[in-house]
Amino acid sequence: MPTCFVIQGFGRKTDFASGRTLDLDASYAVIKEAVKAVPGFSCVRADEIEQSGHIEKLMYERLLGADLVIADLSTSNVNAFYELGVRFALRPRATIVVAEDKITFPFDVNHIPIHTYKHLESESATECADEWSAAAI
């Protein structure tokens, strides 16, 4: 079964550059819904991996082995940027980068295509999907 690995933080996180707090679990629900709409694809984020062992090894295996990686850079999470860099080094294709539309992109990523979306705090995750899921997937 083709797999999609999602690079993203978990829960409510603050983007220290803007001071905004985003619910990344709501964003992930949109991503997962969009990926599952593609016949045969499964979708997983690191907090859903049910294996024992070192998390770094599991993360590298997912970054190398996933047929598709979606990286959400919305909160400027340094781990997400690092994992995106690893993915580009291992498999530069089949990677989609997304971010909430208020992010200020660092110089090192402002040259790659980044699909932006509007994070609707008061709306359901499904309503957020209209912003980018069809175009990104």
N, C-alpha and C. Protein backbone atom coordinates (compact mmCIF):
# COMPACT_ATOMS: atom_id res chain seq x y z
N MET A 1 0.85 -1.18 0.00
CA MET A 1 0.00 0.00 0.00
C MET A 1 0.89 1.24 0.00
N PRO A 2 0.65 2.18 -0.90
CA PRO A 2 1.43 3.43 -0.90
C PRO A 2 1.23 4.19 0.41
N THR A 3 2.30 4.81 0.88
CA THR A 3 2.23 5.51 2.16
C THR A 3 2.57 6.99 2.02
N CYS A 4 1.96 7.77 2.90
CA CYS A 4 2.27 9.19 3.02
C CYS A 4 2.70 9.43 4.46
N PHE A 5 3.86 10.02 4.62
CA PHE A 5 4.36 10.38 5.94
C PHE A 5 4.23 11.89 6.07
N VAL A 6 3.64 12.34 7.18
CA VAL A 6 3.42 13.76 7.39
C VAL A 6 4.43 14.29 8.41
N ILE A 7 5.18 15.29 7.98
CA ILE A 7 6.12 15.99 8.86
C ILE A 7 5.37 17.17 9.47
N GLN A 8 5.23 17.13 10.79
CA GLN A 8 4.44 18.18 11.44
C GLN A 8 4.53 17.99 12.95
N GLY A 9 4.41 19.08 13.69
CA GLY A 9 4.30 18.99 15.13
C GLY A 9 2.94 18.43 15.50
N PHE A 10 2.71 18.27 16.80
CA PHE A 10 1.45 17.71 17.29
C PHE A 10 0.78 18.69 18.24
N GLY A 11 -0.55 18.68 18.24
CA GLY A 11 -1.30 19.50 19.19
C GLY A 11 -1.27 20.98 18.85
N ARG A 12 -1.50 21.79 19.87
CA ARG A 12 -1.50 23.25 19.71
C ARG A 12 -0.07 23.75 19.90
N LYS A 13 0.46 24.43 18.88
CA LYS A 13 1.83 24.94 18.91
C LYS A 13 1.82 26.42 18.57
N THR A 14 2.77 27.13 19.15
CA THR A 14 2.91 28.56 18.89
C THR A 14 4.03 28.80 17.91
N ASP A 15 3.75 29.62 16.90
CA ASP A 15 4.78 30.08 15.98
C ASP A 15 5.43 31.28 16.67
N PHE A 16 6.66 31.11 17.10
CA PHE A 16 7.31 32.16 17.89
C PHE A 16 7.61 33.41 17.08
N ALA A 17 7.66 33.29 15.76
CA ALA A 17 7.89 34.47 14.93
C ALA A 17 6.65 35.38 14.92
N SER A 18 5.46 34.78 14.88
CA SER A 18 4.24 35.59 14.80
C SER A 18 3.46 35.64 16.11
N GLY A 19 3.74 34.71 17.02
CA GLY A 19 3.01 34.64 18.27
C GLY A 19 1.67 33.94 18.16
N ARG A 20 1.32 33.47 16.97
CA ARG A 20 0.04 32.78 16.76
C ARG A 20 0.13 31.33 17.22
N THR A 21 -0.94 30.85 17.81
CA THR A 21 -1.03 29.45 18.21
C THR A 21 -1.96 28.73 17.24
N LEU A 22 -1.48 27.62 16.69
CA LEU A 22 -2.24 26.86 15.71
C LEU A 22 -2.50 25.45 16.23
N ASP A 23 -3.63 24.91 15.89
CA ASP A 23 -3.97 23.54 16.24
C ASP A 23 -3.51 22.63 15.10
N LEU A 24 -2.33 22.05 15.27
CA LEU A 24 -1.77 21.22 14.21
C LEU A 24 -2.51 19.90 14.06
N ASP A 25 -3.18 19.45 15.11
CA ASP A 25 -3.99 18.24 14.99
C ASP A 25 -5.16 18.47 14.03
N ALA A 26 -5.73 19.67 14.05
CA ALA A 26 -6.81 20.00 13.11
C ALA A 26 -6.27 20.05 11.68
N SER A 27 -5.08 20.63 11.51
CA SER A 27 -4.46 20.66 10.18
C SER A 27 -4.17 19.25 9.69
N TYR A 28 -3.68 18.41 10.60
CA TYR A 28 -3.37 17.03 10.22
C TYR A 28 -4.63 16.28 9.82
N ALA A 29 -5.74 16.54 10.50
CA ALA A 29 -6.99 15.88 10.13
C ALA A 29 -7.35 16.19 8.68
N VAL A 30 -7.11 17.41 8.23
CA VAL A 30 -7.37 17.81 6.85
C VAL A 30 -6.43 17.06 5.91
N ILE A 31 -5.15 17.04 6.25
CA ILE A 31 -4.17 16.36 5.41
C ILE A 31 -4.52 14.88 5.29
N LYS A 32 -4.79 14.26 6.42
CA LYS A 32 -5.10 12.82 6.43
C LYS A 32 -6.35 12.52 5.60
N GLU A 33 -7.35 13.36 5.74
CA GLU A 33 -8.58 13.18 4.96
C GLU A 33 -8.30 13.29 3.46
N ALA A 34 -7.49 14.26 3.06
CA ALA A 34 -7.16 14.44 1.65
C ALA A 34 -6.36 13.26 1.11
N VAL A 35 -5.40 12.78 1.89
CA VAL A 35 -4.58 11.64 1.45
C VAL A 35 -5.42 10.38 1.34
N LYS A 36 -6.28 10.14 2.31
CA LYS A 36 -7.12 8.94 2.29
C LYS A 36 -8.12 8.96 1.14
N ALA A 37 -8.38 10.15 0.57
CA ALA A 37 -9.27 10.24 -0.59
C ALA A 37 -8.61 9.69 -1.84
N VAL A 38 -7.28 9.55 -1.81
CA VAL A 38 -6.55 8.97 -2.93
C VAL A 38 -6.60 7.45 -2.76
N PRO A 39 -7.18 6.73 -3.71
CA PRO A 39 -7.34 5.28 -3.55
C PRO A 39 -6.03 4.56 -3.22
N GLY A 40 -6.08 3.77 -2.16
CA GLY A 40 -4.96 2.93 -1.79
C GLY A 40 -3.94 3.55 -0.88
N PHE A 41 -3.97 4.86 -0.66
CA PHE A 41 -2.95 5.52 0.16
C PHE A 41 -3.28 5.43 1.64
N SER A 42 -2.24 5.23 2.45
CA SER A 42 -2.38 5.35 3.89
C SER A 42 -1.59 6.58 4.32
N CYS A 43 -1.91 7.11 5.49
CA CYS A 43 -1.29 8.34 5.96
C CYS A 43 -0.92 8.17 7.42
N VAL A 44 0.29 8.63 7.80
CA VAL A 44 0.74 8.51 9.18
C VAL A 44 1.61 9.70 9.55
N ARG A 45 1.50 10.10 10.79
CA ARG A 45 2.36 11.12 11.38
C ARG A 45 3.14 10.43 12.49
N ALA A 46 4.27 10.98 12.89
CA ALA A 46 5.17 10.31 13.83
C ALA A 46 4.49 9.89 15.12
N ASP A 47 3.54 10.67 15.61
CA ASP A 47 2.88 10.30 16.87
C ASP A 47 1.96 9.10 16.73
N GLU A 48 1.73 8.63 15.50
CA GLU A 48 0.88 7.47 15.27
C GLU A 48 1.68 6.18 15.04
N ILE A 49 2.98 6.28 14.98
CA ILE A 49 3.81 5.11 14.74
C ILE A 49 3.83 4.25 16.00
N GLU A 50 3.39 3.03 15.87
CA GLU A 50 3.31 2.12 17.01
C GLU A 50 4.41 1.06 16.92
N GLN A 51 5.63 1.48 17.11
CA GLN A 51 6.76 0.56 17.10
C GLN A 51 7.70 0.97 18.21
N SER A 52 8.44 0.00 18.67
CA SER A 52 9.44 0.34 19.68
C SER A 52 10.76 0.62 18.98
N GLY A 53 11.63 1.26 19.68
CA GLY A 53 12.94 1.58 19.12
C GLY A 53 13.19 3.07 19.16
N HIS A 54 14.33 3.45 18.63
CA HIS A 54 14.71 4.86 18.61
C HIS A 54 13.86 5.61 17.59
N ILE A 55 13.29 6.72 18.01
CA ILE A 55 12.42 7.50 17.14
C ILE A 55 13.17 8.02 15.92
N GLU A 56 14.47 8.32 16.08
CA GLU A 56 15.23 8.82 14.95
C GLU A 56 15.30 7.78 13.83
N LYS A 57 15.55 6.53 14.18
CA LYS A 57 15.62 5.46 13.18
C LYS A 57 14.28 5.31 12.47
N LEU A 58 13.20 5.31 13.24
CA LEU A 58 11.87 5.18 12.65
C LEU A 58 11.56 6.35 11.72
N MET A 59 11.94 7.56 12.15
CA MET A 59 11.70 8.74 11.33
C MET A 59 12.49 8.66 10.02
N TYR A 60 13.76 8.27 10.09
CA TYR A 60 14.56 8.16 8.86
C TYR A 60 13.98 7.10 7.93
N GLU A 61 13.51 6.00 8.49
CA GLU A 61 12.91 4.96 7.66
C GLU A 61 11.67 5.49 6.94
N ARG A 62 10.86 6.25 7.64
CA ARG A 62 9.65 6.82 7.03
C ARG A 62 10.02 7.87 5.98
N LEU A 63 11.00 8.71 6.27
CA LEU A 63 11.39 9.74 5.32
C LEU A 63 11.96 9.14 4.04
N LEU A 64 12.66 8.02 4.16
CA LEU A 64 13.22 7.35 2.98
C LEU A 64 12.16 6.51 2.27
N GLY A 65 11.36 5.79 3.03
CA GLY A 65 10.48 4.80 2.43
C GLY A 65 9.12 5.30 1.99
N ALA A 66 8.68 6.44 2.46
CA ALA A 66 7.34 6.92 2.11
C ALA A 66 7.24 7.26 0.63
N ASP A 67 6.15 6.89 0.03
CA ASP A 67 5.91 7.22 -1.37
C ASP A 67 5.65 8.72 -1.55
N LEU A 68 5.10 9.33 -0.51
CA LEU A 68 4.81 10.75 -0.51
C LEU A 68 5.08 11.29 0.88
N VAL A 69 5.65 12.47 0.96
CA VAL A 69 5.83 13.17 2.24
C VAL A 69 5.16 14.53 2.12
N ILE A 70 4.38 14.87 3.14
CA ILE A 70 3.80 16.21 3.23
C ILE A 70 4.41 16.85 4.46
N ALA A 71 5.07 17.99 4.25
CA ALA A 71 5.70 18.71 5.35
C ALA A 71 4.93 19.99 5.62
N ASP A 72 4.43 20.12 6.84
CA ASP A 72 3.70 21.33 7.24
C ASP A 72 4.65 22.19 8.08
N LEU A 73 5.04 23.32 7.54
CA LEU A 73 6.01 24.21 8.18
C LEU A 73 5.34 25.36 8.94
N SER A 74 4.07 25.25 9.21
CA SER A 74 3.27 26.35 9.73
C SER A 74 3.81 27.05 10.97
N THR A 75 4.39 26.33 11.89
CA THR A 75 4.83 26.98 13.13
C THR A 75 6.35 27.14 13.17
N SER A 76 6.99 27.07 12.02
CA SER A 76 8.44 27.21 11.93
C SER A 76 9.16 26.25 12.87
N ASN A 77 8.60 25.06 13.03
CA ASN A 77 9.16 24.02 13.88
C ASN A 77 10.50 23.57 13.31
N VAL A 78 11.56 23.73 14.08
CA VAL A 78 12.89 23.38 13.58
C VAL A 78 13.01 21.90 13.25
N ASN A 79 12.31 21.04 13.98
CA ASN A 79 12.34 19.62 13.67
C ASN A 79 11.72 19.35 12.30
N ALA A 80 10.63 20.05 11.98
CA ALA A 80 9.99 19.87 10.68
C ALA A 80 10.92 20.32 9.55
N PHE A 81 11.62 21.43 9.74
CA PHE A 81 12.57 21.89 8.72
C PHE A 81 13.71 20.89 8.56
N TYR A 82 14.19 20.35 9.66
CA TYR A 82 15.27 19.35 9.62
C TYR A 82 14.80 18.11 8.86
N GLU A 83 13.61 17.61 9.21
CA GLU A 83 13.09 16.41 8.55
C GLU A 83 12.85 16.65 7.07
N LEU A 84 12.39 17.84 6.71
CA LEU A 84 12.21 18.19 5.30
C LEU A 84 13.56 18.15 4.58
N GLY A 85 14.60 18.68 5.22
CA GLY A 85 15.94 18.64 4.62
C GLY A 85 16.43 17.21 4.42
N VAL A 86 16.16 16.35 5.39
CA VAL A 86 16.54 14.94 5.26
C VAL A 86 15.79 14.32 4.10
N ARG A 87 14.50 14.58 4.00
CA ARG A 87 13.70 14.03 2.90
C ARG A 87 14.25 14.49 1.56
N PHE A 88 14.55 15.78 1.42
CA PHE A 88 15.09 16.29 0.17
C PHE A 88 16.43 15.64 -0.16
N ALA A 89 17.24 15.35 0.85
CA ALA A 89 18.52 14.70 0.62
C ALA A 89 18.34 13.24 0.19
N LEU A 90 17.36 12.56 0.76
CA LEU A 90 17.15 11.14 0.47
C LEU A 90 16.33 10.92 -0.80
N ARG A 91 15.23 11.64 -0.92
CA ARG A 91 14.29 11.49 -2.04
C ARG A 91 13.68 12.84 -2.36
N PRO A 92 14.30 13.61 -3.21
CA PRO A 92 13.86 14.98 -3.44
C PRO A 92 12.50 15.10 -4.13
N ARG A 93 12.01 14.04 -4.71
CA ARG A 93 10.72 14.12 -5.37
C ARG A 93 9.62 13.59 -4.45
N ALA A 94 8.38 13.74 -4.88
CA ALA A 94 7.22 13.26 -4.13
C ALA A 94 7.17 13.84 -2.72
N THR A 95 7.44 15.13 -2.64
CA THR A 95 7.36 15.85 -1.37
C THR A 95 6.53 17.10 -1.59
N ILE A 96 5.50 17.27 -0.76
CA ILE A 96 4.65 18.44 -0.83
C ILE A 96 4.87 19.25 0.44
N VAL A 97 5.12 20.53 0.27
CA VAL A 97 5.34 21.41 1.42
C VAL A 97 4.14 22.34 1.53
N VAL A 98 3.58 22.40 2.75
CA VAL A 98 2.44 23.26 3.01
C VAL A 98 2.75 24.13 4.23
N ALA A 99 2.03 25.23 4.34
CA ALA A 99 2.19 26.10 5.51
C ALA A 99 1.00 27.03 5.61
N GLU A 100 0.68 27.39 6.82
CA GLU A 100 -0.37 28.37 7.07
C GLU A 100 0.04 29.69 6.43
N ASP A 101 -0.90 30.41 5.87
CA ASP A 101 -0.58 31.56 5.03
C ASP A 101 0.05 32.75 5.75
N LYS A 102 0.13 32.74 7.05
CA LYS A 102 0.72 33.87 7.79
C LYS A 102 2.21 33.66 8.08
N ILE A 103 2.77 32.53 7.70
CA ILE A 103 4.16 32.23 7.99
C ILE A 103 5.10 33.13 7.18
N THR A 104 6.21 33.47 7.77
CA THR A 104 7.28 34.15 7.06
C THR A 104 8.31 33.08 6.71
N PHE A 105 8.50 32.85 5.43
CA PHE A 105 9.37 31.77 5.01
C PHE A 105 10.84 32.14 5.15
N PRO A 106 11.62 31.29 5.79
CA PRO A 106 13.07 31.51 5.87
C PRO A 106 13.68 31.45 4.46
N PHE A 107 14.80 32.08 4.31
CA PHE A 107 15.50 32.16 3.03
C PHE A 107 15.74 30.79 2.41
N ASP A 108 16.10 29.81 3.21
CA ASP A 108 16.48 28.50 2.68
C ASP A 108 15.32 27.73 2.05
N VAL A 109 14.10 28.11 2.30
CA VAL A 109 12.96 27.40 1.69
C VAL A 109 12.08 28.30 0.83
N ASN A 110 12.39 29.57 0.73
CA ASN A 110 11.49 30.46 -0.02
C ASN A 110 11.55 30.25 -1.53
N HIS A 111 12.43 29.39 -1.99
CA HIS A 111 12.54 29.12 -3.43
C HIS A 111 11.81 27.84 -3.85
N ILE A 112 11.29 27.08 -2.89
CA ILE A 112 10.58 25.85 -3.24
C ILE A 112 9.07 26.10 -3.22
N PRO A 113 8.32 25.35 -4.01
CA PRO A 113 6.86 25.55 -4.00
C PRO A 113 6.28 25.18 -2.63
N ILE A 114 5.56 26.11 -2.04
CA ILE A 114 4.91 25.88 -0.75
C ILE A 114 3.44 26.24 -0.92
N HIS A 115 2.57 25.25 -0.70
CA HIS A 115 1.14 25.46 -0.81
C HIS A 115 0.66 26.04 0.52
N THR A 116 0.08 27.22 0.47
CA THR A 116 -0.39 27.85 1.71
C THR A 116 -1.87 27.58 1.91
N TYR A 117 -2.26 27.62 3.16
CA TYR A 117 -3.66 27.47 3.51
C TYR A 117 -3.99 28.43 4.64
N LYS A 118 -5.25 28.71 4.79
CA LYS A 118 -5.70 29.58 5.87
C LYS A 118 -6.17 28.70 7.02
N HIS A 119 -5.55 28.85 8.15
CA HIS A 119 -5.91 28.07 9.33
C HIS A 119 -7.12 28.73 9.97
N LEU A 120 -8.24 28.04 9.93
CA LEU A 120 -9.49 28.59 10.45
C LEU A 120 -9.73 28.04 11.85
N GLU A 121 -9.26 28.75 12.85
CA GLU A 121 -9.37 28.30 14.24
C GLU A 121 -10.79 27.95 14.63
N SER A 122 -11.76 28.71 14.16
CA SER A 122 -13.13 28.52 14.62
C SER A 122 -13.92 27.55 13.74
N GLU A 123 -13.33 27.10 12.67
CA GLU A 123 -14.04 26.22 11.73
C GLU A 123 -13.56 24.78 11.88
N SER A 124 -14.30 23.88 11.30
CA SER A 124 -13.91 22.48 11.36
C SER A 124 -12.74 22.22 10.42
N ALA A 125 -12.03 21.15 10.68
CA ALA A 125 -10.90 20.78 9.84
C ALA A 125 -11.34 20.54 8.41
N THR A 126 -12.52 19.99 8.22
CA THR A 126 -13.01 19.71 6.87
C THR A 126 -13.15 21.00 6.08
N GLU A 127 -13.63 22.07 6.70
CA GLU A 127 -13.78 23.33 5.99
C GLU A 127 -12.42 23.93 5.62
N CYS A 128 -11.39 23.67 6.42
CA CYS A 128 -10.05 24.14 6.09
C CYS A 128 -9.53 23.47 4.82
N ALA A 129 -9.97 22.26 4.55
CA ALA A 129 -9.45 21.49 3.43
C ALA A 129 -9.69 22.16 2.10
N ASP A 130 -10.77 22.94 1.99
CA ASP A 130 -11.09 23.59 0.74
C ASP A 130 -9.98 24.51 0.26
N GLU A 131 -9.17 25.02 1.16
CA GLU A 131 -8.13 25.98 0.80
C GLU A 131 -7.04 25.37 -0.07
N TRP A 132 -6.64 24.09 0.18
CA TRP A 132 -5.48 23.60 -0.55
C TRP A 132 -5.45 22.13 -0.87
N SER A 133 -6.27 21.31 -0.24
CA SER A 133 -6.08 19.86 -0.38
C SER A 133 -6.21 19.38 -1.82
N ALA A 134 -7.17 19.87 -2.56
CA ALA A 134 -7.35 19.40 -3.93
C ALA A 134 -6.15 19.75 -4.79
N ALA A 135 -5.61 20.95 -4.63
CA ALA A 135 -4.45 21.37 -5.42
C ALA A 135 -3.18 20.65 -5.01
N ALA A 136 -3.01 20.42 -3.70
CA ALA A 136 -1.78 19.81 -3.21
C ALA A 136 -1.70 18.33 -3.53
N ILE A 137 -2.80 17.63 -3.46
CA ILE A 137 -2.81 16.19 -3.69
C ILE A 137 -3.19 15.96 -5.13
